[in-house]
Amino acid sequence: MIGRRWYVPWLFLAPALVVTAVMTWGPLANTGVLAFTDAQALGGGEFTGLANFRRLAADDEFFRALGNTGLYLVVVVPALVLLPLLLAQLVHAKLPGIGAFRAVFYSPVIASMVVVGLIWSWLLSSEGLVNAVLLKLRIVAEPLPFLTDATLLLFACMLVTVWKGLGYYMVIYLAALSNVPSELYEAAKVDGAGAIRRFRSVTVPTVRPTMLLVGALSAISATKVFAEIYVMSSGTAGPGGQAKSIVYYIREVGLGVDGEIGYASAMSLVLFVGTLGLSVLALVLRRRNEGSEA
């Protein structure tokens, strides 16, 4: 009877598989095909081989966007691996009202990135609160161009990304911390270990797999950064577009009636391969960590 109903589980999976195929694998395959054509928004699509990739190798604008994305990774990923862990450690204690603090720290996660970007744009503008405080304390002589200088704009966007992601990764760490045996902390206390030593010797080793997971998730998210830059620069990506990310540049190239769909698809394929590489690296590191623990 069971053998004759082998198809029943697949019936339950079928709707999700169809949606995934139509919304994910189909567009991915189409992008892979278009990357080797000269497709335009209004037509075209003749096979051009590796022409798009040769053009990509000589595109200074692409490498600038690649450098900005790489800088985003270098700054944002370590911050989103360490800061949420420290925050989770602080709110992990069972104290009266601690749930309210967790809710406050998590609240930016549920806010739209557009709303968050607008709020921070007001805070960081020349007449905003941040510059007003800096001027009042005489830390600076004139307002800092957070939103009009390409470098400062990029770091301001990183700040927004970290601020919005803190609560999300905090929850992941809280789940991991709840699985740490309390006996380990008690043994460390008996040995005379202080709070910092217990954090380094007990907390970090036990949640290391979760740290690798958070690192992978935040890295993949950082490679796709777009909304922060678009909203905080009012769609300009800074003076001369110098704060563009890869996704921003892909959108710029492929958007509009004269959009170069083939070239944008080639960049998207490169981004996909890079993101896939980050995922594989995270998987290798996690397995290596599990192997060392065994």
C-alpha atoms as a PDB file:
ATOM      1  CA  MET A   1       0.000   0.000   0.000  1.00  0.00           C
ATOM      2  CA  ILE A   2       2.790   2.394   0.906  1.00  0.00           C
ATOM      3  CA  GLY A   3       4.713   1.565  -2.262  1.00  0.00           C
ATOM      4  CA  ARG A   4       1.693   2.372  -4.420  1.00  0.00           C
ATOM      5  CA  ARG A   5       1.383   5.804  -2.786  1.00  0.00           C
ATOM      6  CA  TRP A   6       4.962   6.972  -3.215  1.00  0.00           C
ATOM      7  CA  TYR A   7       3.641  10.011  -5.056  1.00  0.00           C
ATOM      8  CA  VAL A   8       1.637  11.386  -2.107  1.00  0.00           C
ATOM      9  CA  PRO A   9       4.545  13.387  -0.549  1.00  0.00           C
ATOM     10  CA  TRP A  10       5.289  14.858  -3.962  1.00  0.00           C
ATOM     11  CA  LEU A  11       1.702  16.076  -4.229  1.00  0.00           C
ATOM     12  CA  PHE A  12       2.202  18.117  -1.073  1.00  0.00           C
ATOM     13  CA  LEU A  13       5.529  19.452  -2.378  1.00  0.00           C
ATOM     14  CA  ALA A  14       4.237  20.177  -5.861  1.00  0.00           C
ATOM     15  CA  PRO A  15       2.810  23.707  -5.218  1.00  0.00           C
ATOM     16  CA  ALA A  16       6.050  24.904  -3.599  1.00  0.00           C
ATOM     17  CA  LEU A  17       8.148  23.265  -6.316  1.00  0.00           C
ATOM     18  CA  VAL A  18       6.067  24.888  -9.059  1.00  0.00           C
ATOM     19  CA  VAL A  19       6.348  28.334  -7.456  1.00  0.00           C
ATOM     20  CA  THR A  20      10.102  27.888  -6.998  1.00  0.00           C
ATOM     21  CA  ALA A  21      10.543  26.757 -10.585  1.00  0.00           C
ATOM     22  CA  VAL A  22       8.494  29.635 -12.003  1.00  0.00           C
ATOM     23  CA  MET A  23       9.771  32.418  -9.721  1.00  0.00           C
ATOM     24  CA  THR A  24      13.390  31.322  -9.165  1.00  0.00           C
ATOM     25  CA  TRP A  25      14.826  28.682 -11.460  1.00  0.00           C
ATOM     26  CA  GLY A  26      13.057  29.951 -14.563  1.00  0.00           C
ATOM     27  CA  PRO A  27      14.325  33.546 -14.281  1.00  0.00           C
ATOM     28  CA  LEU A  28      17.787  32.267 -13.307  1.00  0.00           C
ATOM     29  CA  ALA A  29      17.979  30.101 -16.432  1.00  0.00           C
ATOM     30  CA  ASN A  30      16.686  32.976 -18.562  1.00  0.00           C
ATOM     31  CA  THR A  31      19.321  35.308 -17.111  1.00  0.00           C
ATOM     32  CA  GLY A  32      22.012  32.731 -17.911  1.00  0.00           C
ATOM     33  CA  VAL A  33      20.865  32.634 -21.538  1.00  0.00           C
ATOM     34  CA  LEU A  34      20.500  36.415 -21.919  1.00  0.00           C
ATOM     35  CA  ALA A  35      24.031  36.937 -20.537  1.00  0.00           C
ATOM     36  CA  PHE A  36      25.403  35.600 -23.822  1.00  0.00           C
ATOM     37  CA  THR A  37      23.237  37.798 -26.044  1.00  0.00           C
ATOM     38  CA  ASP A  38      22.913  41.469 -26.973  1.00  0.00           C
ATOM     39  CA  ALA A  39      19.317  41.618 -25.753  1.00  0.00           C
ATOM     40  CA  GLN A  40      17.834  45.074 -25.306  1.00  0.00           C
ATOM     41  CA  ALA A  41      14.727  46.162 -23.442  1.00  0.00           C
ATOM     42  CA  LEU A  42      12.806  46.547 -26.701  1.00  0.00           C
ATOM     43  CA  GLY A  43      14.213  43.642 -28.666  1.00  0.00           C
ATOM     44  CA  GLY A  44      17.374  42.013 -29.899  1.00  0.00           C
ATOM     45  CA  GLY A  45      18.779  38.922 -28.337  1.00  0.00           C
ATOM     46  CA  GLU A  46      21.289  37.591 -30.870  1.00  0.00           C
ATOM     47  CA  PHE A  47      23.965  35.294 -29.517  1.00  0.00           C
ATOM     48  CA  THR A  48      27.238  37.158 -28.933  1.00  0.00           C
ATOM     49  CA  GLY A  49      29.278  34.574 -27.029  1.00  0.00           C
ATOM     50  CA  LEU A  50      31.548  36.053 -24.375  1.00  0.00           C
ATOM     51  CA  ALA A  51      31.304  39.625 -25.690  1.00  0.00           C
ATOM     52  CA  ASN A  52      29.440  40.851 -22.613  1.00  0.00           C
ATOM     53  CA  PHE A  53      32.042  39.346 -20.289  1.00  0.00           C
ATOM     54  CA  ARG A  54      34.928  40.838 -22.286  1.00  0.00           C
ATOM     55  CA  ARG A  55      33.208  44.205 -22.018  1.00  0.00           C
ATOM     56  CA  LEU A  56      32.747  43.595 -18.307  1.00  0.00           C
ATOM     57  CA  ALA A  57      36.473  42.982 -17.845  1.00  0.00           C
ATOM     58  CA  ALA A  58      37.197  46.456 -19.262  1.00  0.00           C
ATOM     59  CA  ASP A  59      34.369  48.313 -17.519  1.00  0.00           C
ATOM     60  CA  ASP A  60      35.805  50.708 -14.918  1.00  0.00           C
ATOM     61  CA  GLU A  61      32.318  51.493 -13.630  1.00  0.00           C
ATOM     62  CA  PHE A  62      31.726  47.826 -12.860  1.00  0.00           C
ATOM     63  CA  PHE A  63      34.982  47.500 -10.957  1.00  0.00           C
ATOM     64  CA  ARG A  64      34.177  50.634  -8.963  1.00  0.00           C
ATOM     65  CA  ALA A  65      30.829  49.087  -8.013  1.00  0.00           C
ATOM     66  CA  LEU A  66      32.624  45.822  -7.234  1.00  0.00           C
ATOM     67  CA  GLY A  67      35.057  47.678  -4.972  1.00  0.00           C
ATOM     68  CA  ASN A  68      32.208  49.416  -3.150  1.00  0.00           C
ATOM     69  CA  THR A  69      30.455  46.090  -2.637  1.00  0.00           C
ATOM     70  CA  GLY A  70      33.681  44.522  -1.392  1.00  0.00           C
ATOM     71  CA  LEU A  71      34.160  47.368   1.085  1.00  0.00           C
ATOM     72  CA  TYR A  72      30.565  46.855   2.203  1.00  0.00           C
ATOM     73  CA  LEU A  73      31.334  43.201   2.887  1.00  0.00           C
ATOM     74  CA  VAL A  74      34.526  43.958   4.813  1.00  0.00           C
ATOM     75  CA  VAL A  75      32.811  46.463   7.122  1.00  0.00           C
ATOM     76  CA  VAL A  76      29.269  45.141   7.496  1.00  0.00           C
ATOM     77  CA  VAL A  77      29.862  41.405   7.897  1.00  0.00           C
ATOM     78  CA  PRO A  78      32.203  41.560  10.943  1.00  0.00           C
ATOM     79  CA  ALA A  79      29.907  44.122  12.550  1.00  0.00           C
ATOM     80  CA  LEU A  80      26.837  41.932  12.035  1.00  0.00           C
ATOM     81  CA  VAL A  81      28.655  38.871  13.340  1.00  0.00           C
ATOM     82  CA  LEU A  82      29.952  40.444  16.559  1.00  0.00           C
ATOM     83  CA  LEU A  83      27.545  43.215  17.588  1.00  0.00           C
ATOM     84  CA  PRO A  84      24.350  41.098  17.579  1.00  0.00           C
ATOM     85  CA  LEU A  85      26.187  38.450  19.614  1.00  0.00           C
ATOM     86  CA  LEU A  86      27.116  41.031  22.249  1.00  0.00           C
ATOM     87  CA  LEU A  87      23.568  42.377  22.197  1.00  0.00           C
ATOM     88  CA  ALA A  88      22.100  38.889  22.528  1.00  0.00           C
ATOM     89  CA  GLN A  89      24.414  38.208  25.470  1.00  0.00           C
ATOM     90  CA  LEU A  90      23.118  41.350  27.191  1.00  0.00           C
ATOM     91  CA  VAL A  91      19.424  40.582  26.722  1.00  0.00           C
ATOM     92  CA  HIS A  92      19.753  36.831  27.313  1.00  0.00           C
ATOM     93  CA  ALA A  93      19.547  37.295  31.065  1.00  0.00           C
ATOM     94  CA  LYS A  94      16.211  36.478  32.674  1.00  0.00           C
ATOM     95  CA  LEU A  95      15.326  39.824  34.214  1.00  0.00           C
ATOM     96  CA  PRO A  96      11.990  41.604  34.688  1.00  0.00           C
ATOM     97  CA  GLY A  97      11.083  43.584  31.594  1.00  0.00           C
ATOM     98  CA  ILE A  98      13.870  42.123  29.453  1.00  0.00           C
ATOM     99  CA  GLY A  99      11.291  41.169  26.816  1.00  0.00           C
ATOM    100  CA  ALA A 100      10.561  44.846  26.236  1.00  0.00           C
ATOM    101  CA  PHE A 101      14.228  45.518  25.501  1.00  0.00           C
ATOM    102  CA  ARG A 102      14.298  42.622  23.052  1.00  0.00           C
ATOM    103  CA  ALA A 103      11.250  44.038  21.297  1.00  0.00           C
ATOM    104  CA  VAL A 104      12.843  47.484  21.059  1.00  0.00           C
ATOM    105  CA  PHE A 105      16.044  46.092  19.589  1.00  0.00           C
ATOM    106  CA  TYR A 106      14.066  43.977  17.109  1.00  0.00           C
ATOM    107  CA  SER A 107      11.688  46.745  15.997  1.00  0.00           C
ATOM    108  CA  PRO A 108      13.955  48.132  13.197  1.00  0.00           C
ATOM    109  CA  VAL A 109      13.822  44.722  11.499  1.00  0.00           C
ATOM    110  CA  ILE A 110      10.088  44.968  10.791  1.00  0.00           C
ATOM    111  CA  ALA A 111      10.357  48.505   9.422  1.00  0.00           C
ATOM    112  CA  SER A 112      10.576  49.031   5.674  1.00  0.00           C
ATOM    113  CA  MET A 113      14.051  49.831   4.382  1.00  0.00           C
ATOM    114  CA  VAL A 114      12.569  52.828   2.586  1.00  0.00           C
ATOM    115  CA  VAL A 115      11.219  54.205   5.864  1.00  0.00           C
ATOM    116  CA  VAL A 116      14.478  53.458   7.674  1.00  0.00           C
ATOM    117  CA  GLY A 117      16.483  55.086   4.891  1.00  0.00           C
ATOM    118  CA  LEU A 118      14.359  58.228   4.986  1.00  0.00           C
ATOM    119  CA  ILE A 119      14.669  58.504   8.773  1.00  0.00           C
ATOM    120  CA  TRP A 120      18.446  58.224   8.622  1.00  0.00           C
ATOM    121  CA  SER A 121      18.566  60.651   5.701  1.00  0.00           C
ATOM    122  CA  TRP A 122      16.858  63.239   7.889  1.00  0.00           C
ATOM    123  CA  LEU A 123      19.203  62.483  10.778  1.00  0.00           C
ATOM    124  CA  LEU A 124      22.349  62.710   8.633  1.00  0.00           C
ATOM    125  CA  SER A 125      21.427  65.657   6.428  1.00  0.00           C
ATOM    126  CA  SER A 126      23.307  68.935   6.733  1.00  0.00           C
ATOM    127  CA  GLU A 127      20.523  70.322   8.939  1.00  0.00           C
ATOM    128  CA  GLY A 128      19.881  66.993  10.658  1.00  0.00           C
ATOM    129  CA  LEU A 129      20.206  65.966  14.281  1.00  0.00           C
ATOM    130  CA  VAL A 130      23.641  64.354  13.960  1.00  0.00           C
ATOM    131  CA  ASN A 131      25.274  67.427  12.464  1.00  0.00           C
ATOM    132  CA  ALA A 132      23.422  69.676  14.921  1.00  0.00           C
ATOM    133  CA  VAL A 133      24.866  67.723  17.860  1.00  0.00           C
ATOM    134  CA  LEU A 134      28.375  67.686  16.374  1.00  0.00           C
ATOM    135  CA  LEU A 135      28.233  71.435  15.794  1.00  0.00           C
ATOM    136  CA  LYS A 136      26.811  72.091  19.257  1.00  0.00           C
ATOM    137  CA  LEU A 137      29.640  70.109  20.869  1.00  0.00           C
ATOM    138  CA  ARG A 138      32.131  71.886  18.578  1.00  0.00           C
ATOM    139  CA  ILE A 139      33.464  68.574  17.316  1.00  0.00           C
ATOM    140  CA  VAL A 140      33.232  69.892  13.756  1.00  0.00           C
ATOM    141  CA  ALA A 141      33.364  73.422  12.398  1.00  0.00           C
ATOM    142  CA  GLU A 142      30.836  72.830   9.613  1.00  0.00           C
ATOM    143  CA  PRO A 143      28.229  70.159   8.807  1.00  0.00           C
ATOM    144  CA  LEU A 144      29.650  66.876   7.538  1.00  0.00           C
ATOM    145  CA  PRO A 145      28.423  65.885   4.038  1.00  0.00           C
ATOM    146  CA  PHE A 146      27.174  62.438   5.038  1.00  0.00           C
ATOM    147  CA  LEU A 147      24.805  62.248   2.060  1.00  0.00           C
ATOM    148  CA  THR A 148      26.743  64.165  -0.586  1.00  0.00           C
ATOM    149  CA  ASP A 149      30.261  62.783  -0.183  1.00  0.00           C
ATOM    150  CA  ALA A 150      30.654  59.379  -1.868  1.00  0.00           C
ATOM    151  CA  THR A 151      32.779  57.819   0.887  1.00  0.00           C
ATOM    152  CA  LEU A 152      30.719  59.181   3.773  1.00  0.00           C
ATOM    153  CA  LEU A 153      27.518  58.157   1.977  1.00  0.00           C
ATOM    154  CA  LEU A 154      28.759  54.588   1.627  1.00  0.00           C
ATOM    155  CA  PHE A 155      29.666  54.368   5.309  1.00  0.00           C
ATOM    156  CA  ALA A 156      26.342  55.956   6.268  1.00  0.00           C
ATOM    157  CA  CYS A 157      24.574  53.221   4.296  1.00  0.00           C
ATOM    158  CA  MET A 158      26.668  50.624   6.124  1.00  0.00           C
ATOM    159  CA  LEU A 159      25.544  52.118   9.421  1.00  0.00           C
ATOM    160  CA  VAL A 160      21.913  51.793   8.347  1.00  0.00           C
ATOM    161  CA  THR A 161      22.424  48.176   7.250  1.00  0.00           C
ATOM    162  CA  VAL A 162      24.037  47.250  10.572  1.00  0.00           C
ATOM    163  CA  TRP A 163      21.445  49.138  12.628  1.00  0.00           C
ATOM    164  CA  LYS A 164      18.539  47.464  10.838  1.00  0.00           C
ATOM    165  CA  GLY A 165      20.079  43.981  10.959  1.00  0.00           C
ATOM    166  CA  LEU A 166      21.089  43.964  14.633  1.00  0.00           C
ATOM    167  CA  GLY A 167      17.721  42.743  15.904  1.00  0.00           C
ATOM    168  CA  TYR A 168      17.358  40.009  13.287  1.00  0.00           C
ATOM    169  CA  TYR A 169      20.711  38.395  14.003  1.00  0.00           C
ATOM    170  CA  MET A 170      20.223  38.992  17.738  1.00  0.00           C
ATOM    171  CA  VAL A 171      17.239  36.626  17.643  1.00  0.00           C
ATOM    172  CA  ILE A 172      19.334  33.972  15.878  1.00  0.00           C
ATOM    173  CA  TYR A 173      22.017  34.274  18.552  1.00  0.00           C
ATOM    174  CA  LEU A 174      19.422  34.145  21.331  1.00  0.00           C
ATOM    175  CA  ALA A 175      18.279  30.777  19.998  1.00  0.00           C
ATOM    176  CA  ALA A 176      21.881  29.566  20.015  1.00  0.00           C
ATOM    177  CA  LEU A 177      22.598  30.907  23.513  1.00  0.00           C
ATOM    178  CA  SER A 178      19.564  29.101  24.904  1.00  0.00           C
ATOM    179  CA  ASN A 179      21.266  25.818  23.951  1.00  0.00           C
ATOM    180  CA  VAL A 180      24.501  26.577  25.807  1.00  0.00           C
ATOM    181  CA  PRO A 181      24.584  24.394  28.969  1.00  0.00           C
ATOM    182  CA  SER A 182      24.491  26.537  32.093  1.00  0.00           C
ATOM    183  CA  GLU A 183      26.938  24.098  33.697  1.00  0.00           C
ATOM    184  CA  LEU A 184      29.694  25.478  31.464  1.00  0.00           C
ATOM    185  CA  TYR A 185      29.205  28.986  32.837  1.00  0.00           C
ATOM    186  CA  GLU A 186      29.029  27.702  36.394  1.00  0.00           C
ATOM    187  CA  ALA A 187      32.260  25.738  35.944  1.00  0.00           C
ATOM    188  CA  ALA A 188      33.950  28.806  34.495  1.00  0.00           C
ATOM    189  CA  LYS A 189      32.813  30.883  37.486  1.00  0.00           C
ATOM    190  CA  VAL A 190      34.232  28.277  39.853  1.00  0.00           C
ATOM    191  CA  ASP A 191      37.552  28.520  38.022  1.00  0.00           C
ATOM    192  CA  GLY A 192      37.534  32.281  38.623  1.00  0.00           C
ATOM    193  CA  ALA A 193      36.738  33.373  35.061  1.00  0.00           C
ATOM    194  CA  GLY A 194      35.253  36.846  34.756  1.00  0.00           C
ATOM    195  CA  ALA A 195      32.493  37.919  32.397  1.00  0.00           C
ATOM    196  CA  ILE A 196      34.855  38.646  29.496  1.00  0.00           C
ATOM    197  CA  ARG A 197      36.751  35.392  29.957  1.00  0.00           C
ATOM    198  CA  ARG A 198      33.486  33.410  30.108  1.00  0.00           C
ATOM    199  CA  PHE A 199      32.361  35.104  26.906  1.00  0.00           C
ATOM    200  CA  ARG A 200      35.609  34.217  25.124  1.00  0.00           C
ATOM    201  CA  SER A 201      36.028  30.711  26.521  1.00  0.00           C
ATOM    202  CA  VAL A 202      32.417  29.504  26.757  1.00  0.00           C
ATOM    203  CA  THR A 203      30.053  31.589  24.649  1.00  0.00           C
ATOM    204  CA  VAL A 204      32.110  32.072  21.494  1.00  0.00           C
ATOM    205  CA  PRO A 205      33.217  28.416  21.066  1.00  0.00           C
ATOM    206  CA  THR A 206      29.702  27.075  21.624  1.00  0.00           C
ATOM    207  CA  VAL A 207      28.004  29.473  19.202  1.00  0.00           C
ATOM    208  CA  ARG A 208      30.734  29.379  16.545  1.00  0.00           C
ATOM    209  CA  PRO A 209      28.533  27.451  14.058  1.00  0.00           C
ATOM    210  CA  THR A 210      25.876  30.136  14.459  1.00  0.00           C
ATOM    211  CA  MET A 211      28.512  32.822  13.907  1.00  0.00           C
ATOM    212  CA  LEU A 212      29.419  31.151  10.607  1.00  0.00           C
ATOM    213  CA  LEU A 213      25.732  31.080   9.653  1.00  0.00           C
ATOM    214  CA  VAL A 214      25.294  34.757  10.507  1.00  0.00           C
ATOM    215  CA  GLY A 215      28.450  35.581   8.577  1.00  0.00           C
ATOM    216  CA  ALA A 216      27.146  33.787   5.495  1.00  0.00           C
ATOM    217  CA  LEU A 217      23.695  35.382   5.690  1.00  0.00           C
ATOM    218  CA  SER A 218      25.047  38.891   6.252  1.00  0.00           C
ATOM    219  CA  ALA A 219      27.624  38.483   3.462  1.00  0.00           C
ATOM    220  CA  ILE A 220      24.995  37.387   0.947  1.00  0.00           C
ATOM    221  CA  SER A 221      22.766  40.263   2.040  1.00  0.00           C
ATOM    222  CA  ALA A 222      25.636  42.755   1.749  1.00  0.00           C
ATOM    223  CA  THR A 223      26.401  41.718  -1.838  1.00  0.00           C
ATOM    224  CA  LYS A 224      22.815  42.605  -2.774  1.00  0.00           C
ATOM    225  CA  VAL A 225      22.725  46.035  -1.117  1.00  0.00           C
ATOM    226  CA  PHE A 226      20.637  48.504  -3.081  1.00  0.00           C
ATOM    227  CA  ALA A 227      17.785  50.140  -1.157  1.00  0.00           C
ATOM    228  CA  GLU A 228      20.009  51.896   1.379  1.00  0.00           C
ATOM    229  CA  ILE A 229      22.121  53.542  -1.303  1.00  0.00           C
ATOM    230  CA  TYR A 230      19.155  54.426  -3.493  1.00  0.00           C
ATOM    231  CA  VAL A 231      17.048  55.987  -0.739  1.00  0.00           C
ATOM    232  CA  MET A 232      19.805  57.845   1.098  1.00  0.00           C
ATOM    233  CA  SER A 233      21.273  59.286  -2.097  1.00  0.00           C
ATOM    234  CA  SER A 234      17.849  60.139  -3.580  1.00  0.00           C
ATOM    235  CA  GLY A 235      18.587  57.856  -6.495  1.00  0.00           C
ATOM    236  CA  THR A 236      21.956  59.377  -7.437  1.00  0.00           C
ATOM    237  CA  ALA A 237      24.396  57.001  -5.665  1.00  0.00           C
ATOM    238  CA  GLY A 238      26.425  60.024  -4.585  1.00  0.00           C
ATOM    239  CA  PRO A 239      28.281  62.569  -6.725  1.00  0.00           C
ATOM    240  CA  GLY A 240      28.997  61.057 -10.113  1.00  0.00           C
ATOM    241  CA  GLY A 241      27.424  57.784  -8.978  1.00  0.00           C
ATOM    242  CA  GLN A 242      30.607  56.885  -7.114  1.00  0.00           C
ATOM    243  CA  ALA A 243      28.798  55.007  -4.323  1.00  0.00           C
ATOM    244  CA  LYS A 244      27.142  52.444  -6.597  1.00  0.00           C
ATOM    245  CA  SER A 245      26.962  48.815  -5.572  1.00  0.00           C
ATOM    246  CA  ILE A 246      26.886  45.953  -8.071  1.00  0.00           C
ATOM    247  CA  VAL A 247      23.113  45.577  -7.790  1.00  0.00           C
ATOM    248  CA  TYR A 248      22.688  49.340  -8.223  1.00  0.00           C
ATOM    249  CA  TYR A 249      24.810  49.249 -11.384  1.00  0.00           C
ATOM    250  CA  ILE A 250      22.923  46.228 -12.749  1.00  0.00           C
ATOM    251  CA  ARG A 251      19.650  48.088 -12.301  1.00  0.00           C
ATOM    252  CA  GLU A 252      21.064  51.221 -13.902  1.00  0.00           C
ATOM    253  CA  VAL A 253      22.310  49.337 -16.969  1.00  0.00           C
ATOM    254  CA  GLY A 254      19.200  47.229 -17.478  1.00  0.00           C
ATOM    255  CA  LEU A 255      16.510  49.804 -16.652  1.00  0.00           C
ATOM    256  CA  GLY A 256      14.582  51.891 -19.169  1.00  0.00           C
ATOM    257  CA  VAL A 257      13.592  51.560 -22.812  1.00  0.00           C
ATOM    258  CA  ASP A 258      17.260  51.604 -23.823  1.00  0.00           C
ATOM    259  CA  GLY A 259      18.303  49.155 -21.112  1.00  0.00           C
ATOM    260  CA  GLU A 260      21.000  46.652 -22.045  1.00  0.00           C
ATOM    261  CA  ILE A 261      19.384  43.471 -20.769  1.00  0.00           C
ATOM    262  CA  GLY A 262      22.133  41.201 -22.063  1.00  0.00           C
ATOM    263  CA  TYR A 263      24.924  43.147 -20.380  1.00  0.00           C
ATOM    264  CA  ALA A 264      22.947  43.485 -17.137  1.00  0.00           C
ATOM    265  CA  SER A 265      22.323  39.717 -17.226  1.00  0.00           C
ATOM    266  CA  ALA A 266      26.054  39.089 -17.583  1.00  0.00           C
ATOM    267  CA  MET A 267      26.717  41.182 -14.459  1.00  0.00           C
ATOM    268  CA  SER A 268      23.906  39.368 -12.664  1.00  0.00           C
ATOM    269  CA  LEU A 269      25.480  36.036 -13.553  1.00  0.00           C
ATOM    270  CA  VAL A 270      28.827  37.189 -12.145  1.00  0.00           C
ATOM    271  CA  LEU A 271      27.068  38.333  -8.967  1.00  0.00           C
ATOM    272  CA  PHE A 272      25.306  34.965  -8.701  1.00  0.00           C
ATOM    273  CA  VAL A 273      28.587  33.076  -9.016  1.00  0.00           C
ATOM    274  CA  GLY A 274      30.181  35.299  -6.364  1.00  0.00           C
ATOM    275  CA  THR A 275      27.247  34.821  -3.991  1.00  0.00           C
ATOM    276  CA  LEU A 276      27.321  31.075  -4.600  1.00  0.00           C
ATOM    277  CA  GLY A 277      31.039  31.101  -3.793  1.00  0.00           C
ATOM    278  CA  LEU A 278      30.343  32.807  -0.460  1.00  0.00           C
ATOM    279  CA  SER A 279      27.732  30.158   0.346  1.00  0.00           C
ATOM    280  CA  VAL A 280      30.114  27.320  -0.497  1.00  0.00           C
ATOM    281  CA  LEU A 281      32.869  28.931   1.583  1.00  0.00           C
ATOM    282  CA  ALA A 282      30.529  29.199   4.566  1.00  0.00           C
ATOM    283  CA  LEU A 283      29.541  25.542   4.163  1.00  0.00           C
ATOM    284  CA  VAL A 284      33.184  24.436   4.001  1.00  0.00           C
ATOM    285  CA  LEU A 285      34.087  26.463   7.081  1.00  0.00           C
ATOM    286  CA  ARG A 286      31.121  25.051   8.981  1.00  0.00           C
ATOM    287  CA  ARG A 287      32.011  21.469   8.134  1.00  0.00           C
ATOM    288  CA  ARG A 288      35.625  22.097   9.051  1.00  0.00           C
ATOM    289  CA  ASN A 289      34.474  23.531  12.374  1.00  0.00           C
ATOM    290  CA  GLU A 290      32.254  20.510  13.009  1.00  0.00           C
ATOM    291  CA  GLY A 291      35.144  18.221  12.123  1.00  0.00           C
ATOM    292  CA  SER A 292      37.494  19.960  14.575  1.00  0.00           C
ATOM    293  CA  GLU A 293      34.899  19.687  17.344  1.00  0.00           C
ATOM    294  CA  ALA A 294      34.450  15.979  16.674  1.00  0.00           C
END
